[in-house]
N, C-alpha and C. Protein backbone atom coordinates (compact mmCIF):
# COMPACT_ATOMS: atom_id res chain seq x y z
N MET A 1 128.31 114.18 142.69
CA MET A 1 127.06 114.57 142.67
C MET A 1 126.62 115.23 140.99
N GLU A 2 128.23 115.43 140.68
CA GLU A 2 127.79 115.58 138.77
C GLU A 2 127.47 114.31 138.30
N ALA A 3 128.05 113.37 138.87
CA ALA A 3 127.83 111.63 138.07
C ALA A 3 126.44 111.74 138.34
N ARG A 4 125.92 112.13 139.55
CA ARG A 4 124.63 111.57 140.13
C ARG A 4 123.70 112.57 138.08
N THR A 5 123.59 113.72 138.24
CA THR A 5 122.95 114.16 137.75
C THR A 5 123.20 114.15 135.96
N ILE A 6 124.38 113.43 136.00
CA ILE A 6 124.43 112.82 134.11
C ILE A 6 123.87 111.84 134.07
N VAL A 7 123.53 110.98 135.02
CA VAL A 7 123.11 109.37 134.79
C VAL A 7 121.34 110.05 134.87
N LEU A 8 121.02 111.12 135.51
CA LEU A 8 119.54 111.26 135.64
C LEU A 8 119.01 111.71 134.62
N ILE A 9 119.80 113.00 134.25
CA ILE A 9 119.66 113.38 132.81
C ILE A 9 119.66 112.32 131.75
N SER A 10 120.55 111.35 131.81
CA SER A 10 120.50 110.36 130.81
C SER A 10 119.25 109.65 130.69
N VAL A 11 119.10 109.06 131.50
CA VAL A 11 117.87 108.00 132.10
C VAL A 11 116.42 109.16 131.23
N GLY A 12 116.62 110.38 131.60
CA GLY A 12 115.13 110.99 131.35
C GLY A 12 115.33 111.20 129.86
N VAL A 13 116.53 111.35 129.40
CA VAL A 13 116.27 111.34 128.19
C VAL A 13 116.34 110.18 127.22
N PHE A 14 116.57 109.00 127.54
CA PHE A 14 116.33 108.07 127.02
C PHE A 14 115.20 107.67 127.14
N LEU A 15 114.39 107.75 128.39
CA LEU A 15 113.25 107.52 128.48
C LEU A 15 112.57 108.43 127.70
N GLY A 16 112.61 109.55 127.51
CA GLY A 16 111.81 110.84 126.66
C GLY A 16 111.59 110.32 124.76
N LEU A 17 112.75 109.95 124.62
CA LEU A 17 113.17 109.18 123.64
C LEU A 17 112.40 107.72 122.93
N ALA A 18 112.53 107.28 123.86
CA ALA A 18 111.96 105.90 123.63
C ALA A 18 110.38 105.83 123.44
N GLY A 19 109.74 106.77 123.97
CA GLY A 19 108.22 107.00 124.08
C GLY A 19 107.27 105.61 123.71
N PRO A 20 106.18 105.56 124.19
CA PRO A 20 105.18 104.70 124.64
C PRO A 20 105.52 103.31 123.22
N VAL A 21 105.45 102.14 123.96
CA VAL A 21 106.01 101.02 123.16
C VAL A 21 104.66 100.37 122.83
N ARG A 22 104.05 100.38 121.42
CA ARG A 22 103.35 100.27 120.45
C ARG A 22 103.52 98.88 119.72
N ALA A 23 102.42 97.67 120.24
CA ALA A 23 102.11 96.63 119.29
C ALA A 23 102.12 96.62 117.91
N GLU A 24 102.61 96.13 116.76
CA GLU A 24 102.23 96.36 115.61
C GLU A 24 101.78 95.30 115.50
N GLU A 25 100.15 95.80 114.43
CA GLU A 25 99.29 94.11 114.13
C GLU A 25 100.18 93.79 112.72
N LYS A 26 100.52 92.71 112.56
CA LYS A 26 101.39 92.09 111.47
C LYS A 26 99.45 91.97 110.11
N LYS A 27 99.68 92.37 109.45
CA LYS A 27 98.71 92.26 107.93
C LYS A 27 98.79 91.02 107.10
N PRO A 28 97.94 89.83 107.26
CA PRO A 28 98.15 88.64 106.83
C PRO A 28 98.54 88.69 105.37
N ALA A 29 99.51 87.92 105.14
CA ALA A 29 100.23 87.68 103.63
C ALA A 29 98.74 87.34 102.63
N VAL A 30 98.70 88.18 101.60
CA VAL A 30 97.63 87.93 100.61
C VAL A 30 98.18 87.36 99.42
N CYS A 31 97.81 86.71 98.46
CA CYS A 31 98.54 86.41 97.58
C CYS A 31 98.13 87.28 96.20
N PRO A 32 98.83 87.42 95.60
CA PRO A 32 98.87 88.70 93.59
C PRO A 32 97.43 88.39 93.56
N ILE A 33 96.81 86.98 93.64
CA ILE A 33 95.47 87.23 92.84
C ILE A 33 94.60 87.73 93.84
N CYS A 34 94.61 87.26 95.00
CA CYS A 34 93.53 87.52 95.90
C CYS A 34 93.47 89.39 96.47
N HIS A 35 94.77 89.63 96.38
CA HIS A 35 95.14 91.05 96.68
C HIS A 35 93.77 91.95 95.24
N ARG A 36 94.80 91.24 94.17
CA ARG A 36 94.13 92.21 93.10
C ARG A 36 92.24 91.80 92.75
N ALA A 37 91.71 90.51 92.93
CA ALA A 37 90.52 90.59 92.83
C ALA A 37 90.15 91.19 94.24
N ASN A 38 90.23 91.48 95.68
CA ASN A 38 89.22 92.38 96.61
C ASN A 38 90.33 93.44 96.55
N ASP A 39 90.35 94.20 95.72
CA ASP A 39 90.73 95.44 95.28
C ASP A 39 89.57 96.05 94.96
N GLN A 40 89.14 97.14 95.40
CA GLN A 40 88.00 97.77 94.61
C GLN A 40 87.96 99.06 94.11
N ALA A 41 89.40 99.57 93.58
CA ALA A 41 90.12 100.59 93.40
C ALA A 41 90.36 99.66 91.40
N SER A 42 90.30 98.75 91.67
CA SER A 42 91.00 97.63 90.13
C SER A 42 90.26 98.15 89.14
N SER A 43 90.90 97.86 87.73
CA SER A 43 90.32 98.31 86.92
C SER A 43 89.38 96.88 86.71
N TYR A 44 87.54 97.05 85.73
CA TYR A 44 87.48 95.71 85.66
C TYR A 44 87.68 95.19 84.75
N PRO A 45 88.64 94.98 83.52
CA PRO A 45 89.12 93.96 83.25
C PRO A 45 90.64 93.12 84.55
N GLN A 46 90.90 94.24 84.60
CA GLN A 46 91.50 93.40 86.18
C GLN A 46 91.01 92.49 87.23
N ARG A 47 89.82 93.33 87.16
CA ARG A 47 89.01 92.58 88.43
C ARG A 47 88.19 91.30 88.34
N ALA A 48 88.21 91.38 86.63
CA ALA A 48 86.98 90.24 86.32
C ALA A 48 87.87 88.85 85.91
N GLY A 49 89.25 89.26 85.43
CA GLY A 49 90.64 88.25 85.72
C GLY A 49 90.59 87.73 86.43
N THR A 50 90.92 88.47 87.69
CA THR A 50 91.47 87.61 88.39
C THR A 50 90.46 86.99 89.78
N THR A 51 89.42 87.66 89.07
CA THR A 51 87.77 86.88 90.16
C THR A 51 87.72 85.73 89.74
N LEU A 52 87.91 85.76 88.16
CA LEU A 52 87.47 84.56 87.67
C LEU A 52 88.81 83.10 87.68
N ALA A 53 90.12 83.63 87.88
CA ALA A 53 90.95 82.82 88.14
C ALA A 53 91.01 81.98 89.64
N ARG A 54 90.69 83.24 90.46
CA ARG A 54 90.27 82.56 92.05
C ARG A 54 88.91 81.81 92.00
N GLY A 55 87.60 82.24 91.20
CA GLY A 55 86.54 81.36 91.16
C GLY A 55 87.01 79.89 90.85
N ALA A 56 87.71 80.12 89.37
CA ALA A 56 88.18 78.61 89.08
C ALA A 56 89.17 77.83 90.14
N MET A 57 90.25 78.24 91.09
CA MET A 57 90.74 77.69 91.90
C MET A 57 90.22 77.24 93.06
N ASN A 58 89.23 77.97 93.66
CA ASN A 58 88.39 77.70 94.36
C ASN A 58 87.74 76.64 94.33
N THR A 59 87.43 76.55 92.75
CA THR A 59 86.22 75.22 92.66
C THR A 59 86.78 73.75 92.23
N ALA A 60 88.62 74.05 91.87
CA ALA A 60 89.05 73.02 91.50
C ALA A 60 89.97 72.13 92.64
N PHE A 61 90.36 73.53 93.66
CA PHE A 61 90.61 72.78 94.80
C PHE A 61 90.13 72.63 96.22
N GLY A 62 88.82 72.91 96.15
CA GLY A 62 87.79 73.03 97.33
C GLY A 62 88.36 71.96 98.35
N TRP A 63 88.35 70.78 97.75
CA TRP A 63 88.82 69.56 98.06
C TRP A 63 89.28 69.49 99.36
N THR A 64 90.55 70.20 99.61
CA THR A 64 91.96 70.26 99.82
C THR A 64 91.78 70.50 101.21
N GLU A 65 90.15 71.48 101.39
CA GLU A 65 90.14 71.68 103.23
C GLU A 65 89.41 70.49 103.24
N LEU A 66 89.10 69.04 102.85
CA LEU A 66 88.91 67.76 103.65
C LEU A 66 90.50 67.56 104.15
N LEU A 67 91.42 67.68 103.73
CA LEU A 67 92.66 67.31 104.31
C LEU A 67 93.45 68.60 105.18
N ILE A 68 92.87 69.70 105.25
CA ILE A 68 93.78 70.46 106.15
C ILE A 68 93.04 70.55 107.81
N GLN A 69 91.80 70.88 107.17
CA GLN A 69 91.43 71.05 108.47
C GLN A 69 91.37 70.41 109.42
N PRO A 70 91.34 68.53 109.23
CA PRO A 70 91.58 67.80 110.23
C PRO A 70 92.97 67.52 110.94
N SER A 71 93.72 68.22 109.68
CA SER A 71 95.04 68.29 110.32
C SER A 71 95.35 69.57 111.38
N GLN A 72 94.53 70.69 110.84
CA GLN A 72 94.06 71.72 112.23
C GLN A 72 94.19 71.68 113.33
N GLU A 73 93.01 70.76 113.43
CA GLU A 73 92.57 70.72 114.49
C GLU A 73 93.37 69.83 115.02
N VAL A 74 93.58 68.81 114.40
CA VAL A 74 94.88 67.44 116.00
C VAL A 74 95.75 68.60 115.74
N LYS A 75 96.51 69.62 115.33
CA LYS A 75 97.57 70.41 115.87
C LYS A 75 97.37 71.11 117.20
N THR A 76 95.95 71.60 117.01
CA THR A 76 95.61 72.63 118.20
C THR A 76 95.29 71.41 119.41
N GLY A 77 95.39 70.24 119.15
CA GLY A 77 94.67 69.48 120.26
C GLY A 77 93.38 69.42 120.77
N GLY A 78 92.34 69.25 119.32
CA GLY A 78 91.15 69.40 119.50
C GLY A 78 90.56 68.04 118.47
N ASN A 79 89.47 67.65 117.82
CA ASN A 79 89.17 66.14 118.13
C ASN A 79 88.94 66.18 116.50
N LEU A 80 89.27 65.07 116.13
CA LEU A 80 89.53 64.72 114.59
C LEU A 80 88.25 64.85 114.00
N VAL A 81 87.31 64.37 114.79
CA VAL A 81 85.93 64.20 113.95
C VAL A 81 85.39 65.38 114.29
N ALA A 82 85.42 66.96 114.78
CA ALA A 82 85.08 68.01 114.43
C ALA A 82 86.02 68.55 112.92
N GLY A 83 87.27 68.05 113.55
CA GLY A 83 87.81 68.64 111.77
C GLY A 83 87.62 67.80 110.63
N ILE A 84 87.30 66.78 110.71
CA ILE A 84 86.68 65.99 109.88
C ILE A 84 85.38 67.11 108.74
N GLY A 85 84.25 67.26 110.39
CA GLY A 85 83.19 67.98 110.05
C GLY A 85 83.26 69.22 109.25
N ASN A 86 84.81 69.93 109.96
CA ASN A 86 84.51 71.13 109.41
C ASN A 86 85.27 70.89 107.78
N GLY A 87 86.19 70.00 108.40
CA GLY A 87 86.58 70.14 106.31
C GLY A 87 85.85 70.09 105.47
N VAL A 88 84.85 68.63 105.78
CA VAL A 88 83.65 68.47 104.83
C VAL A 88 82.58 69.95 104.66
N GLY A 89 82.56 70.94 105.58
CA GLY A 89 81.91 72.46 105.36
C GLY A 89 82.64 73.34 104.79
N ARG A 90 83.98 73.45 104.90
CA ARG A 90 84.66 74.17 104.40
C ARG A 90 85.02 74.18 102.68
N ALA A 91 85.30 72.33 102.36
CA ALA A 91 85.35 72.02 101.52
C ALA A 91 84.18 72.59 100.49
N ALA A 92 83.15 72.33 100.98
CA ALA A 92 81.58 72.44 100.20
C ALA A 92 81.51 73.95 100.19
N LYS A 93 81.93 74.65 100.69
CA LYS A 93 81.63 76.18 100.84
C LYS A 93 82.39 76.98 100.11
N ARG A 94 84.15 76.18 99.93
CA ARG A 94 85.06 77.26 99.05
C ARG A 94 84.76 76.45 97.65
N THR A 95 83.95 75.41 97.38
CA THR A 95 83.81 74.92 96.22
C THR A 95 82.49 75.62 95.44
N PHE A 96 81.37 76.00 96.01
CA PHE A 96 80.20 76.60 95.94
C PHE A 96 80.68 77.93 95.76
N LEU A 97 81.53 78.43 96.63
CA LEU A 97 81.66 80.19 95.89
C LEU A 97 82.57 80.41 94.97
N GLY A 98 83.50 79.49 94.96
CA GLY A 98 84.17 79.53 93.56
C GLY A 98 83.61 78.94 91.84
N VAL A 99 82.22 78.37 91.99
CA VAL A 99 81.35 78.38 91.22
C VAL A 99 80.76 79.76 91.27
N GLY A 100 80.40 80.43 92.26
CA GLY A 100 79.76 81.36 92.45
C GLY A 100 80.53 82.91 91.61
N GLU A 101 81.71 82.25 91.85
CA GLU A 101 82.66 83.82 91.48
C GLU A 101 82.89 83.14 89.74
N ILE A 102 83.03 82.01 89.36
CA ILE A 102 83.00 82.20 87.84
C ILE A 102 82.02 82.44 87.08
N PHE A 103 80.72 82.27 87.58
CA PHE A 103 79.39 82.40 87.18
C PHE A 103 79.38 84.44 87.38
N THR A 104 79.91 85.07 88.76
CA THR A 104 79.74 86.61 88.60
C THR A 104 80.80 87.37 88.26
N CYS A 105 82.19 87.09 87.98
CA CYS A 105 83.32 87.62 87.56
C CYS A 105 82.85 88.51 86.67
N TRP A 106 81.95 88.60 85.91
CA TRP A 106 82.00 89.33 85.01
C TRP A 106 81.03 90.76 85.21
N LEU A 107 80.71 90.39 86.45
CA LEU A 107 79.32 91.87 86.81
C LEU A 107 80.43 93.35 87.13
N PRO A 108 79.91 94.44 86.58
CA PRO A 108 80.58 95.79 86.84
C PRO A 108 80.64 95.98 88.13
N LYS A 109 80.97 97.03 88.34
CA LYS A 109 80.96 97.77 89.64
C LYS A 109 79.74 98.47 89.96
N GLY A 110 79.36 98.31 90.79
CA GLY A 110 77.90 98.41 91.23
C GLY A 110 78.20 99.85 92.21
N GLN A 111 77.01 100.61 92.90
CA GLN A 111 77.47 101.50 93.77
C GLN A 111 77.98 101.35 95.10
N GLN A 112 77.97 99.87 95.17
CA GLN A 112 78.45 99.74 96.81
C GLN A 112 80.33 98.88 96.64
N GLY A 113 80.31 98.50 95.40
CA GLY A 113 81.44 98.20 94.79
C GLY A 113 81.91 96.90 94.22
N TYR A 114 82.14 96.01 93.79
CA TYR A 114 82.17 95.15 93.25
C TYR A 114 81.80 94.10 94.21
N LEU A 115 81.03 93.08 93.21
CA LEU A 115 80.28 92.06 94.04
C LEU A 115 81.42 90.84 94.43
N SER A 116 82.26 90.71 96.06
CA SER A 116 82.40 89.73 96.04
C SER A 116 82.17 88.67 97.09
N LEU A 117 82.02 87.39 96.40
CA LEU A 117 81.67 86.37 97.34
C LEU A 117 82.34 85.65 98.25
N ASN A 118 83.84 86.09 98.03
CA ASN A 118 85.08 84.77 98.65
C ASN A 118 85.85 86.42 98.88
N THR A 119 86.84 85.79 99.96
CA THR A 119 87.72 86.75 100.09
C THR A 119 89.66 85.90 100.12
N ASP A 120 89.54 85.03 99.99
CA ASP A 120 90.62 83.87 99.90
C ASP A 120 90.54 82.48 98.62
N CYS A 121 91.64 82.35 98.43
CA CYS A 121 91.78 81.10 97.49
C CYS A 121 92.86 79.83 97.78
N PRO A 122 93.00 78.72 97.53
CA PRO A 122 93.47 77.73 97.43
C PRO A 122 95.05 77.81 98.41
N ILE A 123 95.57 79.22 98.02
CA ILE A 123 96.79 79.59 97.78
C ILE A 123 97.03 80.37 99.17
N CYS A 124 96.21 81.18 99.72
CA CYS A 124 96.18 81.72 100.79
C CYS A 124 95.21 81.40 101.59
N MET A 125 94.96 80.57 101.51
CA MET A 125 93.60 80.39 102.41
C MET A 125 94.00 80.21 104.06
N GLY A 126 95.36 79.50 104.39
CA GLY A 126 95.55 79.70 105.70
C GLY A 126 95.74 80.71 106.62
N THR A 127 95.58 82.20 105.76
CA THR A 127 96.44 83.19 106.26
C THR A 127 94.18 83.56 106.87
N HIS A 128 93.68 83.35 106.28
CA HIS A 128 92.10 83.98 107.14
C HIS A 128 91.67 82.97 107.05
N HIS A 129 91.67 81.68 107.86
CA HIS A 129 91.14 80.56 108.63
C HIS A 129 91.27 80.93 109.66
N ALA A 130 92.48 81.08 110.33
CA ALA A 130 92.20 81.53 111.54
C ALA A 130 91.77 82.68 111.90
N PRO A 131 90.63 82.73 112.79
CA PRO A 131 89.47 83.50 113.64
C PRO A 131 90.30 84.58 114.21
N PRO A 132 89.83 85.99 114.37
CA PRO A 132 90.72 86.99 115.45
C PRO A 132 90.21 86.39 116.56
N PRO A 133 91.04 86.28 118.04
CA PRO A 133 91.22 85.95 118.94
C PRO A 133 89.68 86.38 119.62
N ALA A 134 89.04 85.80 120.23
CA ALA A 134 87.96 86.69 120.86
C ALA A 134 87.97 87.64 122.24
N LYS A 135 87.57 88.50 122.50
CA LYS A 135 88.05 89.44 123.05
C LYS A 135 86.69 89.17 124.41
N ASN A 136 87.53 88.78 125.71
CA ASN A 136 86.35 88.29 126.90
C ASN A 136 86.39 89.55 127.40
N THR A 137 84.85 89.99 127.43
CA THR A 137 84.09 91.35 128.32
C THR A 137 83.81 90.83 129.51
N LEU A 138 83.74 90.04 129.48
CA LEU A 138 83.09 89.58 131.10
C LEU A 138 83.76 89.54 132.22
N ASP A 139 85.14 88.90 131.84
CA ASP A 139 86.31 89.09 132.89
C ASP A 139 86.92 90.22 132.44
N LYS A 140 86.89 90.89 133.80
CA LYS A 140 87.42 92.10 133.83
C LYS A 140 88.37 92.34 135.17
N ARG A 141 89.28 91.40 135.20
CA ARG A 141 89.94 92.17 136.32
C ARG A 141 91.49 93.15 136.85
N PRO A 142 91.16 93.60 137.72
CA PRO A 142 92.48 94.60 137.64
C PRO A 142 93.75 94.04 137.53
């Protein structure tokens, strides 16, 4: 009887201390340039300088999307032609947003914060390209 009581108390204490298990969300790693350029609390000179650097990198290396997107599409089992199409679109978008950041990096902070055309650069672009998984609200099985 005493052994059984000790086991039950031990299990109860273990379950009580363990608590509910929670899945922790991992924040994507962001390079230091994008971290400072996206920080709304940073000072004007720091923000303008890092936005200029990010714009220059996006303008200079936007073409790398032409290589990255097809390889990612094929790696996930997709169509190469769709990957090439995504690469062309993302290369143009990254290049034009980079040019836009070069021309707008000097803008001061407004009422809604700093103007931000882009959130990533060629250094950390892999962390921002994967869209979050879509939630299927139509299929709710018990």
